[in-house]
Amino acid sequence: MTTVDLREKEMAVRDLLRLAESDSVLIIANNGHGYTLEEADDFEKEVAMLGGSRKFMNFLEERGKEEGTVSLEDIERRLTEKGA
């Protein structure tokens, strides 16, 4: 990981992006906060795309309303009761 401390040296965004093409970049802002810049992979692009999809968000909301999962203990108990 490459570190760029903007408190010590100003750097243009295009130069930061050029660095991120080959390595993750830790950017230290003038206020001392750190940020990571790296090239997005296909998964991150898909997450960003789906996060903006109202249809997908509605689907997740409906799934969230479904009844909870069954614990391993419940499955074992049910199998024991059935004599499996």
Protein backbone atom coordinates (compact mmCIF):
# COMPACT_ATOMS: atom_id res chain seq x y z
CA MET A 1 0.00 0.00 0.00
CA THR A 2 1.25 3.43 -0.93
CA THR A 3 0.73 6.27 1.56
CA VAL A 4 0.23 9.85 0.45
CA ASP A 5 0.15 12.47 3.20
CA LEU A 6 -1.55 15.57 1.81
CA ARG A 7 -0.41 17.53 4.88
CA GLU A 8 3.12 17.23 3.53
CA LYS A 9 2.56 17.32 -0.22
CA GLU A 10 -0.38 18.35 -2.40
CA MET A 11 -1.31 15.87 -5.10
CA ALA A 12 -3.80 16.10 -7.96
CA VAL A 13 -6.64 13.61 -8.15
CA ARG A 14 -5.41 12.32 -11.51
CA ASP A 15 -2.04 11.51 -9.89
CA LEU A 16 -3.75 9.69 -7.01
CA LEU A 17 -5.79 7.68 -9.52
CA ARG A 18 -2.63 6.81 -11.44
CA LEU A 19 -1.09 5.46 -8.22
CA ALA A 20 -4.25 3.44 -7.49
CA GLU A 21 -3.95 1.66 -10.84
CA SER A 22 -1.09 -0.41 -9.47
CA ASP A 23 -1.57 -0.37 -5.68
CA SER A 24 -4.00 0.64 -2.94
CA VAL A 25 -3.38 4.19 -1.77
CA LEU A 26 -3.78 5.40 1.81
CA ILE A 27 -4.50 9.13 1.62
CA ILE A 28 -3.95 11.19 4.76
CA ALA A 29 -6.08 14.32 4.45
CA ASN A 30 -5.16 17.74 5.83
CA ASN A 31 -7.36 17.06 8.88
CA GLY A 32 -5.42 13.84 9.61
CA HIS A 33 -8.22 11.48 8.56
CA GLY A 34 -7.20 8.52 6.42
CA TYR A 35 -8.92 7.30 3.26
CA THR A 36 -8.21 4.32 1.06
CA LEU A 37 -8.31 4.59 -2.72
CA GLU A 38 -8.21 1.48 -4.85
CA GLU A 39 -9.54 0.21 -8.13
CA ALA A 40 -13.06 -1.19 -7.79
CA ASP A 41 -13.44 -4.85 -8.68
CA ASP A 42 -16.49 -6.37 -10.38
CA PHE A 43 -18.12 -7.22 -7.04
CA GLU A 44 -17.86 -3.64 -5.80
CA LYS A 45 -19.28 -2.36 -9.09
CA GLU A 46 -22.21 -4.77 -8.79
CA VAL A 47 -22.86 -3.71 -5.18
CA ALA A 48 -22.91 -0.06 -6.24
CA MET A 49 -25.27 -0.83 -9.12
CA LEU A 50 -27.66 -2.94 -7.02
CA GLY A 51 -27.61 -0.39 -4.18
CA GLY A 52 -29.15 2.11 -6.60
CA SER A 53 -31.84 -0.30 -7.79
CA ARG A 54 -35.22 0.40 -6.20
CA LYS A 55 -36.50 -3.00 -7.42
CA PHE A 56 -33.63 -4.83 -5.72
CA MET A 57 -33.97 -2.80 -2.52
CA ASN A 58 -37.71 -3.63 -2.43
CA PHE A 59 -36.81 -7.31 -2.86
CA LEU A 60 -34.40 -7.14 0.09
CA GLU A 61 -36.99 -5.34 2.20
CA GLU A 62 -39.54 -8.09 1.54
CA ARG A 63 -36.96 -10.80 2.29
CA GLY A 64 -36.20 -9.05 5.56
CA LYS A 65 -39.82 -9.45 6.62
CA GLU A 66 -39.71 -13.23 6.18
CA GLU A 67 -39.72 -15.43 9.24
CA GLY A 68 -36.32 -16.10 10.79
CA THR A 69 -34.03 -19.03 10.20
CA VAL A 70 -34.08 -22.38 11.98
CA SER A 71 -31.27 -23.05 14.42
CA LEU A 72 -29.17 -26.20 14.25
CA GLU A 73 -30.56 -27.20 17.64
CA ASP A 74 -34.14 -27.00 16.30
CA ILE A 75 -33.25 -29.15 13.30
CA GLU A 76 -31.59 -31.75 15.52
CA ARG A 77 -34.62 -31.75 17.87
CA ARG A 78 -37.04 -32.17 14.96
CA LEU A 79 -35.02 -35.04 13.53
CA THR A 80 -34.85 -36.72 16.93
CA GLU A 81 -38.62 -36.38 17.40
CA LYS A 82 -39.22 -38.01 14.01
CA GLY A 83 -36.85 -40.85 14.83
CA ALA A 84 -34.44 -40.04 12.02
